[in-house]
Amino acid sequence: MIKDPFQRLNLDREVLSVSQLNNRARLLLEDVFGAVWVEGEISNLAKPASGHIYFSLKDSQAQVRCALFRQNALKVRQALRDGLAVRVRGKVSLFEGRGDYQLIVDNLEPAGDGALRLAFEALKEKLGNEGLFAAEHKISLPPHPKRIGIISSPTGAVIRDIISVFRRRAPQVELNLLPTAVQGRDATAQIVKALQLADRQGFDALILARGGGSLEDLWCFNEEPVARAIAACITPIVSAVGHETDVTIADFVADVRAPTPSAAAELLAPDSSELVQRLHNLKRRLQLRMQHRLERERMRIDGLQRRLRHPGERLRQHAQRVDDLEMRLSRAFARQLGKGQERLTLLQGRLLAVHPERNLKLQGLRLQNLHERLQRSMVEGLKSRRQQLSSQMHTLHAVSPLATLGRGYSILLDERGRAIRRAAETRPGQRLHARLGEGELQLRVESPEPSPTTLPLFD
């Protein structure tokens, strides 16, 4: 370990390039800071196509950029979003491409009970929508089981309580313990593996059990891999996690939920007068020693990893720069595409304004309007002509000689058909033709009277 990380810098007048300065700053930060835990709120969350995750971790006064690379992001079961309070572990570093101080995250977990409750409700809603809690997927428990698998910690009161119930009620039932951690980082993977292993061994039923504890203590039973492993089992499963008031996602997915591990044993243990006891002390002691040894080796490996300069760091630096360029390219492409779309919309509007179809429609409407006006004008003109003709017919009838004849008058015509207007125009013995209102008369003049004779108006 370097006693003074500043010794790597030359304090004389040495001119550095920007790349050299950023490289030395990164090495300095990584030497001074080991793995640190930081708690804060997620903001500016970004998930590019590479699978890496970038975000800022902030509190009320400051923020720091964080990078969660793909191989570590796959381990995160929590659905990340802006505003979520989390606790992360990582090492302080520098993104040389932009000179950004950042935290390279290798582990992320919810911060506080409130965050865990939020994650619990989100996963419960997700799995419920997928039908993992549906009653039609539940398997009935066997009435007389012969072999039962117990997935639980080999230590503690849980396994003792289960064994005690079976010893008292059904000592003939064969119990098989599949030891697993029920709390901590490795618990989820161990429980999933134990479920898969137990489901292949032909047990009549399985008991998934753990004692009581806080929400954080029971959190491995709220993980999505555990829920899906339970749902995939063809062996009936009784979930007995925590006390009667504790509820986990495993309880909803399991075929039957028991309020306590002892109650789970009573559900599967038929009453019997014989007592059989099976001891697991050696296995429990071996499991504890293995766990302690694995923990010591894990701590030793973590120390070696912090001291080792792995080539993957440079690859991650380049991967982060590629992701940064990809996001900038995507934004620039989106801006250009938006401008092109706006111009296309404008040109389409101008084209529609001068399109011949629009003028044809306008001219068609105008032609239809003129046709209708012509029809109305013709009808009104014919009506006016009919009225005028009727009026003229009445006028003509009023001055027509025929009308006069109809009132009792007659017209006298001479031999050449000329009308006789004065008596002086006739001579004695002259033949005249009289035209009446109805019929005609042939007359002869006896003697013309030049002076008019007044005729009575009424006979």
Protein backbone atom coordinates (compact mmCIF):
# COMPACT_ATOMS: atom_id res chain seq x y z
CA MET A 1 0.00 0.00 0.00
CA ILE A 2 1.31 3.47 -0.86
CA LYS A 3 2.04 5.44 2.31
CA ASP A 4 1.64 8.82 0.69
CA PRO A 5 -0.37 8.81 -2.58
CA PHE A 6 0.81 12.35 -3.31
CA GLN A 7 4.34 11.06 -3.84
CA ARG A 8 3.35 9.91 -7.34
CA LEU A 9 2.93 13.58 -8.36
CA ASN A 10 5.97 15.65 -9.42
CA LEU A 11 5.68 18.95 -7.60
CA ASP A 12 8.31 20.60 -9.84
CA ARG A 13 7.32 22.54 -12.92
CA GLU A 14 6.05 19.54 -14.85
CA VAL A 15 3.58 20.29 -17.64
CA LEU A 16 0.83 17.67 -17.85
CA SER A 17 -1.67 17.02 -20.60
CA VAL A 18 -5.32 16.96 -19.64
CA SER A 19 -5.36 13.17 -20.07
CA GLN A 20 -2.33 12.77 -17.81
CA LEU A 21 -3.84 15.03 -15.16
CA ASN A 22 -7.15 13.13 -15.16
CA ASN A 23 -5.33 9.78 -15.09
CA ARG A 24 -3.23 10.78 -12.09
CA ALA A 25 -6.28 12.21 -10.32
CA ARG A 26 -8.16 8.92 -10.87
CA LEU A 27 -5.28 6.84 -9.52
CA LEU A 28 -5.00 9.15 -6.52
CA LEU A 29 -8.70 8.89 -5.69
CA GLU A 30 -8.73 5.10 -6.07
CA ASP A 31 -5.64 4.74 -3.84
CA VAL A 32 -6.95 6.99 -1.06
CA PHE A 33 -10.51 5.62 -1.01
CA GLY A 34 -11.31 1.95 -0.68
CA ALA A 35 -14.85 0.57 -0.79
CA VAL A 36 -17.21 3.10 0.81
CA TRP A 37 -20.94 2.97 1.60
CA VAL A 38 -22.93 6.06 0.66
CA GLU A 39 -26.62 6.72 1.25
CA GLY A 40 -28.69 9.19 -0.74
CA GLU A 41 -31.49 9.76 -3.24
CA ILE A 42 -31.32 8.75 -6.93
CA SER A 43 -31.68 11.47 -9.59
CA ASN A 44 -30.83 11.86 -13.31
CA LEU A 45 -31.24 8.10 -13.84
CA ALA A 46 -30.08 6.90 -17.30
CA LYS A 47 -30.17 3.36 -18.74
CA PRO A 48 -28.42 3.16 -22.16
CA ALA A 49 -28.59 0.11 -24.41
CA SER A 50 -25.26 -1.23 -23.08
CA GLY A 51 -26.93 -2.35 -19.84
CA HIS A 52 -24.86 0.02 -17.67
CA ILE A 53 -26.78 2.36 -15.33
CA TYR A 54 -25.78 5.96 -14.59
CA PHE A 55 -27.31 8.21 -11.94
CA SER A 56 -26.60 10.93 -9.38
CA LEU A 57 -26.75 10.26 -5.65
CA LYS A 58 -27.78 13.38 -3.76
CA ASP A 59 -28.75 14.71 -0.38
CA SER A 60 -30.00 18.16 0.62
CA GLN A 61 -26.60 19.81 0.09
CA ALA A 62 -24.57 17.89 -2.51
CA GLN A 63 -24.57 15.20 -5.15
CA VAL A 64 -22.13 12.76 -6.75
CA ARG A 65 -22.25 10.96 -10.11
CA CYS A 66 -22.47 7.15 -9.95
CA ALA A 67 -21.82 4.39 -12.50
CA LEU A 68 -23.31 0.90 -12.04
CA PHE A 69 -21.84 -1.35 -14.73
CA ARG A 70 -23.81 -4.14 -16.35
CA GLN A 71 -22.35 -7.12 -14.47
CA ASN A 72 -23.27 -5.50 -11.15
CA ALA A 73 -26.55 -4.02 -12.41
CA LEU A 74 -27.84 -7.54 -13.11
CA LYS A 75 -27.61 -8.28 -9.38
CA VAL A 76 -29.90 -5.40 -8.41
CA ARG A 77 -33.45 -6.65 -7.82
CA GLN A 78 -34.88 -3.28 -6.86
CA ALA A 79 -36.66 -1.30 -9.63
CA LEU A 80 -34.60 1.91 -9.79
CA ARG A 81 -36.25 5.29 -10.35
CA ASP A 82 -35.60 8.96 -9.63
CA GLY A 83 -36.33 9.90 -6.03
CA LEU A 84 -35.64 6.43 -4.58
CA ALA A 85 -33.53 6.39 -1.40
CA VAL A 86 -30.74 3.82 -1.68
CA ARG A 87 -27.52 2.73 0.02
CA VAL A 88 -24.63 1.96 -2.37
CA ARG A 89 -21.15 0.50 -1.99
CA GLY A 90 -18.36 1.38 -4.38
CA LYS A 91 -15.02 3.02 -4.91
CA VAL A 92 -14.31 6.65 -5.67
CA SER A 93 -12.90 7.19 -9.17
CA LEU A 94 -12.76 9.67 -12.03
CA PHE A 95 -14.24 9.44 -15.55
CA GLU A 96 -11.19 10.63 -17.46
CA GLY A 97 -13.14 11.45 -20.64
CA ARG A 98 -14.91 14.40 -18.98
CA GLY A 99 -12.94 14.80 -15.78
CA ASP A 100 -16.03 13.90 -13.73
CA TYR A 101 -15.55 12.74 -10.14
CA GLN A 102 -17.73 9.66 -9.69
CA LEU A 103 -18.50 6.57 -7.63
CA ILE A 104 -18.12 3.13 -9.29
CA VAL A 105 -20.94 1.14 -7.62
CA ASP A 106 -20.69 -2.61 -7.08
CA ASN A 107 -23.63 -3.09 -4.69
CA LEU A 108 -26.96 -1.29 -4.24
CA GLU A 109 -29.76 -1.84 -1.75
CA PRO A 110 -32.84 0.13 -0.57
CA ALA A 111 -32.25 2.59 2.24
CA GLY A 112 -34.52 2.33 5.27
CA ASP A 113 -37.75 0.54 6.00
CA GLY A 114 -39.79 2.97 3.90
CA ALA A 115 -37.87 2.06 0.76
CA LEU A 116 -38.27 -1.62 1.52
CA ARG A 117 -42.02 -1.19 1.93
CA LEU A 118 -42.16 0.60 -1.43
CA ALA A 119 -40.20 -2.22 -3.09
CA PHE A 120 -42.43 -4.81 -1.39
CA GLU A 121 -45.64 -3.23 -2.72
CA ALA A 122 -44.19 -2.79 -6.22
CA LEU A 123 -43.13 -6.46 -6.48
CA LYS A 124 -46.42 -7.63 -4.96
CA GLU A 125 -48.40 -5.71 -7.58
CA LYS A 126 -46.16 -6.97 -10.41
CA LEU A 127 -46.39 -10.65 -9.45
CA GLY A 128 -50.11 -10.36 -8.70
CA ASN A 129 -50.72 -9.00 -12.19
CA GLU A 130 -48.80 -11.97 -13.60
CA GLY A 131 -51.09 -14.39 -11.74
CA LEU A 132 -48.52 -15.90 -9.37
CA PHE A 133 -50.95 -15.50 -6.45
CA ALA A 134 -53.96 -17.02 -8.25
CA ALA A 135 -55.86 -19.75 -6.37
CA GLU A 136 -55.99 -22.01 -9.43
CA HIS A 137 -52.20 -22.36 -9.30
CA LYS A 138 -52.20 -23.64 -5.69
CA ILE A 139 -51.43 -27.34 -5.03
CA SER A 140 -53.25 -29.23 -2.27
CA LEU A 141 -51.17 -30.61 0.59
CA PRO A 142 -50.87 -34.43 0.81
CA PRO A 143 -52.98 -35.92 3.66
CA HIS A 144 -50.27 -38.48 4.68
CA PRO A 145 -46.81 -37.31 3.64
CA LYS A 146 -43.86 -39.69 4.05
CA ARG A 147 -40.91 -37.45 3.08
CA ILE A 148 -40.82 -33.73 3.79
CA GLY A 149 -38.10 -31.26 2.86
CA ILE A 150 -37.40 -28.33 5.19
CA ILE A 151 -35.68 -25.27 3.71
CA SER A 152 -34.41 -23.19 6.61
CA SER A 153 -31.39 -22.27 8.65
CA PRO A 154 -29.81 -25.27 10.40
CA THR A 155 -29.46 -23.19 13.55
CA GLY A 156 -32.00 -21.52 15.76
CA ALA A 157 -35.37 -22.42 17.23
CA VAL A 158 -37.22 -22.83 13.92
CA ILE A 159 -35.85 -26.22 12.95
CA ARG A 160 -36.09 -27.43 16.55
CA ASP A 161 -39.76 -26.44 16.74
CA ILE A 162 -40.55 -28.21 13.47
CA ILE A 163 -38.74 -31.37 14.55
CA SER A 164 -40.49 -31.27 17.92
CA VAL A 165 -43.91 -31.13 16.31
CA PHE A 166 -43.16 -34.05 13.98
CA ARG A 167 -41.61 -36.06 16.82
CA ARG A 168 -44.78 -35.59 18.81
CA ARG A 169 -47.39 -35.97 16.03
CA ALA A 170 -45.81 -38.05 13.24
CA PRO A 171 -42.43 -39.59 14.07
CA GLN A 172 -42.67 -41.93 11.04
CA VAL A 173 -42.37 -38.98 8.60
CA GLU A 174 -38.88 -38.60 7.11
CA LEU A 175 -37.61 -35.03 7.49
CA ASN A 176 -34.82 -33.70 5.27
CA LEU A 177 -33.18 -30.38 6.03
CA LEU A 178 -31.86 -28.34 3.11
CA PRO A 179 -29.79 -25.79 5.03
CA THR A 180 -29.68 -22.28 3.73
CA ALA A 181 -29.05 -18.78 4.94
CA VAL A 182 -32.27 -16.95 5.74
CA GLN A 183 -30.79 -13.47 6.14
CA GLY A 184 -28.06 -11.47 4.49
CA ARG A 185 -26.57 -11.01 1.04
CA ASP A 186 -26.25 -14.68 0.13
CA ALA A 187 -29.63 -15.77 1.44
CA THR A 188 -31.58 -15.16 -1.77
CA ALA A 189 -29.30 -17.25 -3.99
CA GLN A 190 -29.11 -20.03 -1.41
CA ILE A 191 -32.89 -20.20 -0.96
CA VAL A 192 -33.47 -20.34 -4.74
CA LYS A 193 -30.87 -23.10 -5.10
CA ALA A 194 -32.36 -25.05 -2.18
CA LEU A 195 -35.88 -24.80 -3.66
CA GLN A 196 -34.70 -26.07 -7.04
CA LEU A 197 -32.75 -28.91 -5.43
CA ALA A 198 -35.64 -29.93 -3.16
CA ASP A 199 -38.13 -29.91 -6.02
CA ARG A 200 -36.03 -32.51 -7.88
CA GLN A 201 -35.76 -34.93 -4.93
CA GLY A 202 -39.35 -36.17 -4.92
CA PHE A 203 -40.51 -34.87 -1.54
CA ASP A 204 -44.21 -35.05 -0.73
CA ALA A 205 -44.15 -31.45 0.54
CA LEU A 206 -41.71 -28.66 1.40
CA ILE A 207 -41.60 -26.25 4.34
CA LEU A 208 -39.94 -22.87 3.80
CA ALA A 209 -39.36 -21.57 7.32
CA ARG A 210 -37.70 -18.76 9.24
CA GLY A 211 -38.15 -17.12 12.64
CA GLY A 212 -39.38 -13.59 13.19
CA GLY A 213 -37.43 -10.42 12.57
CA SER A 214 -37.56 -6.95 11.08
CA LEU A 215 -38.51 -6.23 7.48
CA GLU A 216 -34.82 -6.07 6.55
CA ASP A 217 -34.16 -9.41 8.28
CA LEU A 218 -36.96 -11.07 6.29
CA TRP A 219 -36.15 -9.30 3.02
CA CYS A 220 -34.69 -12.34 1.23
CA PHE A 221 -38.22 -13.83 1.27
CA ASN A 222 -39.46 -10.71 -0.56
CA GLU A 223 -37.02 -11.08 -3.46
CA GLU A 224 -38.38 -11.80 -6.94
CA PRO A 225 -36.05 -14.81 -7.64
CA VAL A 226 -37.34 -16.54 -4.48
CA ALA A 227 -40.97 -15.87 -5.47
CA ARG A 228 -40.45 -17.23 -8.99
CA ALA A 229 -38.56 -20.28 -7.66
CA ILE A 230 -41.53 -21.07 -5.38
CA ALA A 231 -43.99 -20.63 -8.26
CA ALA A 232 -41.91 -22.97 -10.47
CA CYS A 233 -41.95 -25.84 -7.93
CA ILE A 234 -44.27 -28.78 -8.63
CA THR A 235 -43.97 -29.90 -4.99
CA PRO A 236 -46.53 -28.39 -2.55
CA ILE A 237 -44.91 -25.67 -0.42
CA VAL A 238 -45.93 -24.34 2.99
CA SER A 239 -44.53 -20.88 3.76
CA ALA A 240 -43.86 -20.27 7.47
CA VAL A 241 -41.79 -17.08 7.60
CA GLY A 242 -41.71 -14.92 10.71
CA HIS A 243 -44.39 -14.48 13.30
CA GLU A 244 -48.14 -14.46 12.71
CA THR A 245 -48.15 -10.70 11.93
CA ASP A 246 -45.26 -10.96 9.42
CA VAL A 247 -46.26 -11.17 5.74
CA THR A 248 -43.84 -11.79 2.87
CA ILE A 249 -44.08 -12.23 -0.90
CA ALA A 250 -43.22 -15.92 -0.34
CA ASP A 251 -46.46 -16.29 1.67
CA PHE A 252 -48.55 -15.08 -1.30
CA VAL A 253 -46.84 -17.37 -3.84
CA ALA A 254 -46.70 -20.52 -1.69
CA ASP A 255 -49.51 -23.06 -1.84
CA VAL A 256 -50.33 -22.60 1.88
CA ARG A 257 -49.27 -19.95 4.40
CA ALA A 258 -48.74 -20.95 8.03
CA PRO A 259 -48.60 -18.27 10.72
CA THR A 260 -45.55 -19.91 12.39
CA PRO A 261 -43.09 -22.74 11.61
CA SER A 262 -44.75 -24.91 14.29
CA ALA A 263 -48.14 -24.37 12.65
CA ALA A 264 -46.61 -25.44 9.29
CA ALA A 265 -45.41 -28.67 10.88
CA GLU A 266 -48.86 -29.32 12.35
CA LEU A 267 -50.44 -28.84 8.91
CA LEU A 268 -48.25 -31.60 7.44
CA ALA A 269 -47.88 -33.90 10.47
CA PRO A 270 -50.74 -36.42 10.84
CA ASP A 271 -51.48 -37.40 14.44
CA SER A 272 -49.38 -40.40 15.57
CA SER A 273 -48.68 -42.10 18.88
CA GLU A 274 -45.11 -43.05 17.98
CA LEU A 275 -42.18 -40.72 18.52
CA VAL A 276 -39.23 -40.51 16.19
CA GLN A 277 -36.43 -38.02 16.58
CA ARG A 278 -33.88 -37.14 13.91
CA LEU A 279 -30.91 -35.07 14.99
CA HIS A 280 -28.98 -32.62 12.80
CA ASN A 281 -26.38 -31.27 15.22
CA LEU A 282 -23.31 -32.32 13.23
CA LYS A 283 -24.71 -30.85 10.02
CA ARG A 284 -25.58 -27.64 11.85
CA ARG A 285 -22.06 -27.34 13.32
CA LEU A 286 -20.51 -28.07 9.91
CA GLN A 287 -22.72 -25.45 8.26
CA LEU A 288 -21.69 -22.82 10.81
CA ARG A 289 -17.98 -23.58 10.38
CA MET A 290 -18.34 -23.48 6.59
CA GLN A 291 -20.11 -20.14 6.77
CA HIS A 292 -17.42 -18.66 9.04
CA ARG A 293 -14.65 -19.97 6.80
CA LEU A 294 -16.35 -18.65 3.67
CA GLU A 295 -16.79 -15.24 5.29
CA ARG A 296 -13.09 -15.04 6.20
CA GLU A 297 -12.08 -16.07 2.67
CA ARG A 298 -14.52 -13.57 1.19
CA MET A 299 -13.01 -10.75 3.24
CA ARG A 300 -9.51 -11.79 2.17
CA ILE A 301 -10.53 -11.86 -1.51
CA ASP A 302 -12.14 -8.40 -1.19
CA GLY A 303 -8.85 -7.05 0.16
CA LEU A 304 -6.92 -8.57 -2.72
CA GLN A 305 -9.38 -7.21 -5.26
CA ARG A 306 -8.98 -3.66 -3.95
CA ARG A 307 -5.20 -3.93 -4.39
CA LEU A 308 -5.41 -5.51 -7.86
CA ARG A 309 -5.41 -3.24 -10.92
CA HIS A 310 -7.67 -5.11 -13.27
CA PRO A 311 -7.71 -4.32 -17.06
CA GLY A 312 -11.48 -4.16 -16.78
CA GLU A 313 -11.17 -0.67 -15.27
CA ARG A 314 -9.89 0.75 -18.56
CA LEU A 315 -12.58 -1.15 -20.41
CA ARG A 316 -15.22 0.33 -18.12
CA GLN A 317 -13.77 3.81 -18.69
CA HIS A 318 -14.05 3.32 -22.46
CA ALA A 319 -17.49 1.77 -22.10
CA GLN A 320 -18.64 4.79 -20.12
CA ARG A 321 -17.26 7.15 -22.79
CA VAL A 322 -19.05 5.12 -25.50
CA ASP A 323 -22.28 5.35 -23.51
CA ASP A 324 -21.81 9.11 -23.14
CA LEU A 325 -21.23 9.54 -26.89
CA GLU A 326 -24.20 7.29 -27.63
CA MET A 327 -26.52 9.42 -25.48
CA ARG A 328 -25.23 12.64 -27.09
CA LEU A 329 -25.71 11.14 -30.56
CA SER A 330 -29.23 10.06 -29.68
CA ARG A 331 -30.12 13.56 -28.48
CA ALA A 332 -28.62 15.18 -31.60
CA PHE A 333 -30.44 12.73 -33.88
CA ALA A 334 -33.70 13.40 -32.07
CA ARG A 335 -33.24 17.18 -32.53
CA GLN A 336 -32.50 16.82 -36.25
CA LEU A 337 -35.42 14.47 -36.70
CA GLY A 338 -37.72 16.94 -34.94
CA LYS A 339 -36.57 19.81 -37.19
CA GLY A 340 -37.06 17.67 -40.30
CA GLN A 341 -40.53 16.69 -39.15
CA GLU A 342 -41.47 20.34 -38.57
CA ARG A 343 -40.23 21.33 -42.06
CA LEU A 344 -42.06 18.39 -43.64
CA THR A 345 -45.28 19.42 -41.89
CA LEU A 346 -44.83 23.03 -43.12
CA LEU A 347 -44.21 21.94 -46.73
CA GLN A 348 -47.18 19.56 -46.63
CA GLY A 349 -49.38 22.44 -45.47
CA ARG A 350 -48.15 24.68 -48.29
CA LEU A 351 -48.64 21.89 -50.83
CA LEU A 352 -52.19 21.27 -49.69
CA ALA A 353 -52.91 25.01 -50.02
CA VAL A 354 -52.05 24.98 -53.78
CA HIS A 355 -53.17 21.45 -54.60
CA PRO A 356 -55.44 21.24 -57.76
CA GLU A 357 -57.89 19.08 -55.89
CA ARG A 358 -58.72 21.97 -53.60
CA ASN A 359 -59.41 24.33 -56.57
CA LEU A 360 -61.48 21.62 -58.27
CA LYS A 361 -63.57 21.28 -55.16
CA LEU A 362 -64.07 25.05 -54.98
CA GLN A 363 -65.01 25.23 -58.70
CA GLY A 364 -67.33 22.23 -58.27
CA LEU A 365 -69.09 24.00 -55.41
CA ARG A 366 -69.34 27.17 -57.49
CA LEU A 367 -70.74 25.23 -60.50
CA GLN A 368 -73.29 23.51 -58.28
CA ASN A 369 -74.29 26.89 -56.83
CA LEU A 370 -74.72 28.39 -60.34
CA HIS A 371 -76.74 25.35 -61.45
CA GLU A 372 -79.07 25.75 -58.50
CA ARG A 373 -79.40 29.49 -59.19
CA LEU A 374 -80.17 28.76 -62.88
CA GLN A 375 -82.86 26.26 -61.89
CA ARG A 376 -84.44 28.76 -59.52
CA SER A 377 -84.18 31.54 -62.13
CA MET A 378 -85.84 29.38 -64.82
CA VAL A 379 -88.68 28.39 -62.49
CA GLU A 380 -89.22 31.96 -61.37
CA GLY A 381 -89.00 33.24 -65.00
CA LEU A 382 -91.60 30.73 -66.23
CA LYS A 383 -93.86 31.64 -63.32
CA SER A 384 -93.49 35.35 -64.13
CA ARG A 385 -94.22 34.72 -67.86
CA ARG A 386 -97.29 32.67 -67.00
CA GLN A 387 -98.58 35.46 -64.77
CA GLN A 388 -97.85 38.05 -67.50
CA LEU A 389 -99.56 35.91 -70.15
CA SER A 390 -102.61 35.45 -67.94
CA SER A 391 -102.79 39.19 -67.33
CA GLN A 392 -102.54 39.94 -71.07
CA MET A 393 -105.17 37.31 -71.82
CA HIS A 394 -107.53 39.03 -69.41
CA THR A 395 -106.76 42.42 -70.98
CA LEU A 396 -107.19 41.06 -74.49
CA HIS A 397 -110.43 39.42 -73.54
CA ALA A 398 -111.68 42.70 -72.11
CA VAL A 399 -111.21 44.53 -75.48
CA SER A 400 -112.01 41.59 -77.72
CA PRO A 401 -114.98 42.04 -80.14
CA LEU A 402 -116.05 38.58 -79.17
CA ALA A 403 -116.59 39.79 -75.63
CA THR A 404 -118.67 42.67 -76.99
CA LEU A 405 -120.70 40.25 -79.03
CA GLY A 406 -121.23 38.19 -75.94
CA ARG A 407 -122.91 41.16 -74.28
CA GLY A 408 -125.66 41.32 -77.01
CA TYR A 409 -124.01 43.37 -79.71
CA SER A 410 -123.43 42.35 -83.36
CA ILE A 411 -121.07 43.28 -86.20
CA LEU A 412 -122.36 44.12 -89.68
CA LEU A 413 -120.18 43.26 -92.62
CA ASP A 414 -120.72 44.16 -96.30
CA GLU A 415 -120.18 41.84 -99.25
CA ARG A 416 -116.39 42.28 -99.05
CA GLY A 417 -116.25 41.61 -95.29
CA ARG A 418 -115.73 45.22 -94.21
CA ALA A 419 -117.38 46.39 -91.02
CA ILE A 420 -120.28 48.88 -91.38
CA ARG A 421 -119.78 51.73 -88.92
CA ARG A 422 -122.31 54.34 -90.29
CA ALA A 423 -125.72 53.97 -91.80
CA ALA A 424 -124.64 56.26 -94.61
CA GLU A 425 -122.33 53.58 -95.84
CA THR A 426 -125.29 51.35 -96.81
CA ARG A 427 -127.89 51.58 -99.58
CA PRO A 428 -131.39 50.19 -99.84
CA GLY A 429 -131.53 46.56 -100.83
CA GLN A 430 -127.90 45.96 -99.94
CA ARG A 431 -127.08 42.51 -98.56
CA LEU A 432 -125.28 42.54 -95.19
CA HIS A 433 -123.84 39.85 -93.04
CA ALA A 434 -124.47 40.14 -89.26
CA ARG A 435 -122.19 38.32 -86.80
CA LEU A 436 -123.69 37.72 -83.36
CA GLY A 437 -122.33 36.40 -80.10
CA GLU A 438 -123.72 33.01 -81.15
CA GLY A 439 -124.33 32.42 -84.84
CA GLU A 440 -124.64 34.67 -87.93
CA LEU A 441 -127.48 36.37 -89.89
CA GLN A 442 -127.94 37.39 -93.52
CA LEU A 443 -129.70 40.81 -93.69
CA ARG A 444 -131.01 43.21 -96.33
CA VAL A 445 -131.15 46.98 -95.94
CA GLU A 446 -134.70 48.40 -96.40
CA SER A 447 -133.87 52.04 -95.85
CA PRO A 448 -130.83 53.55 -94.08
CA GLU A 449 -131.54 55.96 -91.22
CA PRO A 450 -128.78 58.55 -90.99
CA SER A 451 -129.83 59.84 -87.54
CA PRO A 452 -129.16 57.52 -84.58
CA THR A 453 -131.96 55.80 -82.83
CA THR A 454 -131.81 55.46 -79.05
CA LEU A 455 -132.50 51.87 -78.02
CA PRO A 456 -133.81 51.00 -74.60
CA LEU A 457 -131.32 49.41 -72.22
CA PHE A 458 -133.85 46.86 -71.06
CA ASP A 459 -136.42 45.04 -73.12
